[in-house]
Amino acid sequence: MFDVLWEDNHLLFANKPAGVPVQGDSTGDEHFLEMAEEYIRVKYNKPGAAYVGLVHRIDRPVSGVVLFAKTSKALTRLNDIFREKQNIKVYHALTSKPLTEESGTLEHYLSKDSETHRAHAYNQPRGAAKHSVLHYQLLSSIAGRYLYQITLETGRFHQIRVQLSKMGCPIIGDLKYGAKNNLPDRSIALHAHTLVTPHVVKDLPAVTVHAPYPRKQWWGLFKEDLLKKGPKKFR
C-alpha cells in the first residue's frame, strides 16, 4: 500500500516503509519511486508511465516522509529549495542508551567510505571530511528506550546514524553502527517524522507534513500525539 500523507497538483508526500529503497538499486527490489509512479498512473488514469520527480532520499532501513515532485517545474524548484536548505527535516530515533544531556547539538566531521558504504565521524577536521551538525532533544524514555527528536542542520550520508554512534548511543537495530541486536524486520529505529518546505508556488504557504510511526512494537511504546514538538521556526 502506498501511504499518501499530503498532495496537490505539484507535490506528493508519502510515508515510506522501512526496508523499501527510495529508488532502484542492484537488488532489483521494488522501490518507492516506482510505487509513486504507479499511484499517479492509477489515480489519474494516465496512459503509460507517469511523471514523478525524486527530490531527496532516506536510507533503505529508515521509515518516514519522502517528498516527490509531480511536475518537472516543481522538481526544479524543489531541488533549489533543498540545495539552499530552505526546508526543515526532523527525525525521531530510538536508542538503548541516553546521551549525556537531554538536549543539545552534535558537531562532527564526516567522511564516506564508498567501499564499505559507511560513514566515519571525527571530532576534528580531517582531510575531506565535511562539517556536520544536528540538534537533538529527548522526548521520552520508557523501558530502557530513549526517544530523541533530531533536527538536521546539514544533510550528510548516514549523518544521524554515525553521529549518535560516535556518542556511544547507536540507533536500535543499526548493526552497521554499533547496535548489539537487529530488529525482526531488519529496519533501524529511525523515522523521518516531519518535513517542512516552502511550496513551489511562491504565493502558497509552506507545507508541514508529519509521518505517523510504523506500527511496530518498538515504536508502539510511545504515544505520538503527546510527543509532537514541531521544528522551532521555519527559516
Protein backbone atom coordinates (compact mmCIF):
# COMPACT_ATOMS: atom_id res chain seq x y z
CA MET A 1 0.00 0.00 0.00
CA PHE A 2 1.28 3.46 -0.95
CA ASP A 3 0.60 5.69 2.05
CA VAL A 4 -0.04 9.26 0.84
CA LEU A 5 0.36 11.91 3.53
CA TRP A 6 -0.41 15.07 1.52
CA GLU A 7 -0.63 16.04 -2.12
CA ASP A 8 -1.75 18.74 -4.53
CA ASN A 9 -1.09 19.38 -8.22
CA HIS A 10 2.62 19.93 -7.59
CA LEU A 11 3.75 17.97 -4.53
CA LEU A 12 3.34 14.42 -3.26
CA PHE A 13 4.36 13.45 0.30
CA ALA A 14 4.27 9.75 1.20
CA ASN A 15 5.23 7.58 4.18
CA LYS A 16 7.95 5.11 3.16
CA PRO A 17 8.02 1.76 4.95
CA ALA A 18 11.36 0.64 6.36
CA GLY A 19 13.11 -1.85 4.10
CA VAL A 20 11.94 -0.31 0.82
CA PRO A 21 14.61 1.53 -1.19
CA VAL A 22 13.66 5.02 -2.32
CA GLN A 23 14.91 4.30 -5.84
CA GLY A 24 16.11 1.28 -7.77
CA ASP A 25 19.34 -0.40 -6.72
CA SER A 26 21.38 -3.51 -7.52
CA THR A 27 18.91 -5.77 -5.68
CA GLY A 28 16.18 -5.14 -8.24
CA ASP A 29 13.64 -4.92 -5.40
CA GLU A 30 10.50 -2.84 -5.86
CA HIS A 31 11.30 0.74 -4.88
CA PHE A 32 9.35 3.69 -3.56
CA LEU A 33 9.72 5.84 -6.68
CA GLU A 34 8.06 3.23 -8.88
CA MET A 35 5.31 2.85 -6.25
CA ALA A 36 4.72 6.60 -6.53
CA GLU A 37 4.63 6.39 -10.33
CA GLU A 38 2.08 3.57 -10.19
CA TYR A 39 -0.03 5.51 -7.68
CA ILE A 40 -0.14 8.54 -10.01
CA ARG A 41 -0.80 6.40 -13.08
CA VAL A 42 -3.76 4.62 -11.49
CA LYS A 43 -5.26 7.58 -9.62
CA TYR A 44 -5.23 9.90 -12.62
CA ASN A 45 -5.76 7.18 -15.25
CA LYS A 46 -2.61 8.12 -17.13
CA PRO A 47 -1.59 6.07 -20.16
CA GLY A 48 1.96 4.77 -19.99
CA ALA A 49 4.46 5.88 -17.38
CA ALA A 50 3.52 8.72 -15.04
CA TYR A 51 5.98 11.51 -14.26
CA VAL A 52 7.26 11.61 -10.70
CA GLY A 53 10.41 13.52 -9.75
CA LEU A 54 12.64 12.26 -6.95
CA VAL A 55 13.60 15.17 -4.68
CA HIS A 56 15.55 13.52 -1.84
CA ARG A 57 16.29 10.14 -0.27
CA ILE A 58 16.20 8.41 3.07
CA ASP A 59 18.09 5.20 3.83
CA ARG A 60 16.51 1.86 3.00
CA PRO A 61 16.12 0.68 6.65
CA VAL A 62 14.62 4.06 7.65
CA SER A 63 10.89 4.82 7.54
CA GLY A 64 9.09 8.11 7.13
CA VAL A 65 8.17 11.04 4.93
CA VAL A 66 9.50 11.30 1.39
CA LEU A 67 8.64 14.16 -0.97
CA PHE A 68 8.15 13.73 -4.72
CA ALA A 69 7.53 16.34 -7.42
CA LYS A 70 4.56 15.81 -9.72
CA THR A 71 5.87 18.07 -12.50
CA SER A 72 9.30 18.86 -13.92
CA LYS A 73 8.91 22.54 -12.94
CA ALA A 74 8.13 21.54 -9.36
CA LEU A 75 11.22 19.29 -9.32
CA THR A 76 13.47 22.15 -10.44
CA ARG A 77 12.09 24.44 -7.74
CA LEU A 78 12.32 21.74 -5.03
CA ASN A 79 15.92 20.97 -6.00
CA ASP A 80 16.70 24.65 -5.39
CA ILE A 81 14.87 24.61 -2.05
CA PHE A 82 16.76 21.55 -0.81
CA ARG A 83 20.12 22.77 -2.08
CA GLU A 84 19.63 26.13 -0.36
CA LYS A 85 18.48 24.37 2.85
CA GLN A 86 15.22 26.29 2.99
CA ASN A 87 13.43 23.27 4.44
CA ILE A 88 13.49 21.59 7.84
CA LYS A 89 13.94 17.85 8.32
CA VAL A 90 13.01 16.34 11.67
CA TYR A 91 13.68 12.71 12.59
CA HIS A 92 12.74 10.58 15.59
CA ALA A 93 15.27 8.00 16.76
CA LEU A 94 15.23 5.30 19.42
CA THR A 95 18.38 4.36 21.33
CA SER A 96 19.02 1.98 24.21
CA LYS A 97 21.45 4.41 25.87
CA PRO A 98 20.90 8.08 26.67
CA LEU A 99 23.05 10.94 25.50
CA THR A 100 24.79 12.89 28.28
CA GLU A 101 22.43 15.87 28.01
CA GLU A 102 18.66 15.86 27.37
CA SER A 103 19.09 18.37 24.56
CA GLY A 104 21.98 19.81 22.66
CA THR A 105 23.95 19.97 19.43
CA LEU A 106 26.34 17.43 17.92
CA GLU A 107 29.12 18.61 15.64
CA HIS A 108 31.47 16.24 13.86
CA TYR A 109 33.39 15.92 10.62
CA LEU A 110 32.06 13.09 8.46
CA SER A 111 33.64 11.15 5.65
CA LYS A 112 32.14 8.44 3.47
CA ASP A 113 33.83 5.15 2.65
CA SER A 114 32.33 4.07 -0.68
CA GLU A 115 33.80 0.57 -0.46
CA THR A 116 32.19 -0.30 2.88
CA HIS A 117 29.19 2.02 2.38
CA ARG A 118 29.81 3.50 5.83
CA ALA A 119 30.38 6.96 7.23
CA HIS A 120 33.07 7.86 9.75
CA ALA A 121 32.83 10.67 12.31
CA TYR A 122 35.76 12.68 13.66
CA ASN A 123 35.89 15.29 16.40
CA GLN A 124 38.34 17.47 14.47
CA PRO A 125 38.74 18.36 10.77
CA ARG A 126 40.34 15.56 8.79
CA GLY A 127 41.06 15.54 5.07
CA ALA A 128 37.89 15.88 3.01
CA ALA A 129 35.57 15.11 5.95
CA LYS A 130 32.61 17.50 5.98
CA HIS A 131 31.44 19.57 8.92
CA SER A 132 28.16 18.07 10.13
CA VAL A 133 25.66 19.47 12.64
CA LEU A 134 22.45 18.17 14.20
CA HIS A 135 20.32 19.26 17.12
CA TYR A 136 18.65 16.77 19.45
CA GLN A 137 16.05 16.73 22.21
CA LEU A 138 14.96 13.84 24.43
CA LEU A 139 11.20 13.46 24.08
CA SER A 140 10.56 10.45 26.32
CA SER A 141 12.11 7.34 27.85
CA ILE A 142 10.28 4.10 28.52
CA ALA A 143 11.58 0.66 29.48
CA GLY A 144 15.17 1.43 28.61
CA ARG A 145 14.28 3.04 25.29
CA TYR A 146 15.12 6.70 24.66
CA LEU A 147 13.18 8.66 22.07
CA TYR A 148 15.02 11.61 20.53
CA GLN A 149 13.83 14.29 18.17
CA ILE A 150 16.62 15.26 15.79
CA THR A 151 16.72 18.28 13.51
CA LEU A 152 19.35 18.27 10.81
CA GLU A 153 21.33 21.39 10.07
CA THR A 154 23.42 19.58 7.46
CA GLY A 155 22.43 16.55 5.43
CA ARG A 156 25.34 14.14 5.20
CA PHE A 157 25.49 10.46 4.31
CA HIS A 158 24.24 8.40 7.30
CA GLN A 159 24.66 11.52 9.42
CA ILE A 160 22.27 10.77 12.29
CA ARG A 161 23.33 7.15 12.45
CA VAL A 162 27.06 7.79 12.66
CA GLN A 163 26.87 10.84 14.94
CA LEU A 164 24.75 9.04 17.53
CA SER A 165 27.05 6.04 17.28
CA LYS A 166 30.07 8.29 17.81
CA MET A 167 28.47 9.40 21.10
CA GLY A 168 28.09 5.78 22.23
CA CYS A 169 24.33 5.73 21.54
CA PRO A 170 23.72 3.77 18.31
CA ILE A 171 20.19 3.64 16.97
CA ILE A 172 18.32 0.48 17.95
CA GLY A 173 18.72 -2.17 15.25
CA ASP A 174 21.55 -0.38 13.44
CA LEU A 175 24.17 -3.13 13.38
CA LYS A 176 26.29 -1.17 10.91
CA TYR A 177 26.90 1.50 13.52
CA GLY A 178 27.25 -0.49 16.70
CA ALA A 179 23.83 -1.73 17.79
CA LYS A 180 24.11 -5.09 19.54
CA ASN A 181 20.97 -6.66 18.06
CA ASN A 182 18.96 -6.24 14.91
CA LEU A 183 15.19 -5.73 14.74
CA PRO A 184 12.96 -8.55 13.45
CA ASP A 185 12.21 -6.76 10.17
CA ARG A 186 15.83 -5.63 9.66
CA SER A 187 14.81 -1.98 9.96
CA ILE A 188 16.51 0.53 12.25
CA ALA A 189 14.58 2.67 14.75
CA LEU A 190 14.98 5.89 12.80
CA HIS A 191 11.92 7.63 11.37
CA ALA A 192 11.72 10.70 9.13
CA HIS A 193 8.92 12.26 11.14
CA THR A 194 8.45 15.80 9.84
CA LEU A 195 9.30 17.70 6.68
CA VAL A 196 8.69 21.45 6.38
CA THR A 197 9.22 23.01 2.97
CA PRO A 198 8.26 26.16 1.10
CA HIS A 199 5.70 25.48 -1.59
CA VAL A 200 6.93 25.57 -5.17
CA VAL A 201 4.21 28.14 -5.85
CA LYS A 202 5.60 31.17 -4.05
CA ASP A 203 2.19 32.63 -3.14
CA LEU A 204 1.21 29.46 -1.26
CA PRO A 205 2.19 28.87 2.38
CA ALA A 206 4.92 26.48 3.47
CA VAL A 207 3.83 22.88 3.86
CA THR A 208 4.40 20.89 7.08
CA VAL A 209 3.88 17.12 6.89
CA HIS A 210 4.14 14.56 9.71
CA ALA A 211 4.56 10.83 9.07
CA PRO A 212 2.96 8.51 11.66
CA TYR A 213 5.20 5.95 13.32
CA PRO A 214 5.35 2.45 11.85
CA ARG A 215 3.05 0.01 13.60
CA LYS A 216 5.88 -1.84 15.28
CA GLN A 217 6.33 -2.84 18.89
CA TRP A 218 9.39 -0.66 19.41
CA TRP A 219 7.51 2.47 18.25
CA GLY A 220 4.25 1.48 19.92
CA LEU A 221 5.71 2.21 23.36
CA PHE A 222 5.34 5.93 22.68
CA LYS A 223 2.14 7.95 22.27
CA GLU A 224 2.91 10.06 19.27
CA ASP A 225 0.17 12.64 19.80
CA LEU A 226 1.76 13.63 23.12
CA LEU A 227 5.24 13.88 21.65
CA LYS A 228 4.75 16.17 18.66
CA LYS A 229 7.13 19.04 19.19
CA GLY A 230 7.46 20.66 15.82
CA PRO A 231 10.50 22.41 14.42
CA LYS A 232 11.20 25.69 16.19
CA LYS A 233 10.86 28.14 13.33
CA PHE A 234 10.71 27.89 9.57
CA ARG A 235 13.72 29.57 8.03
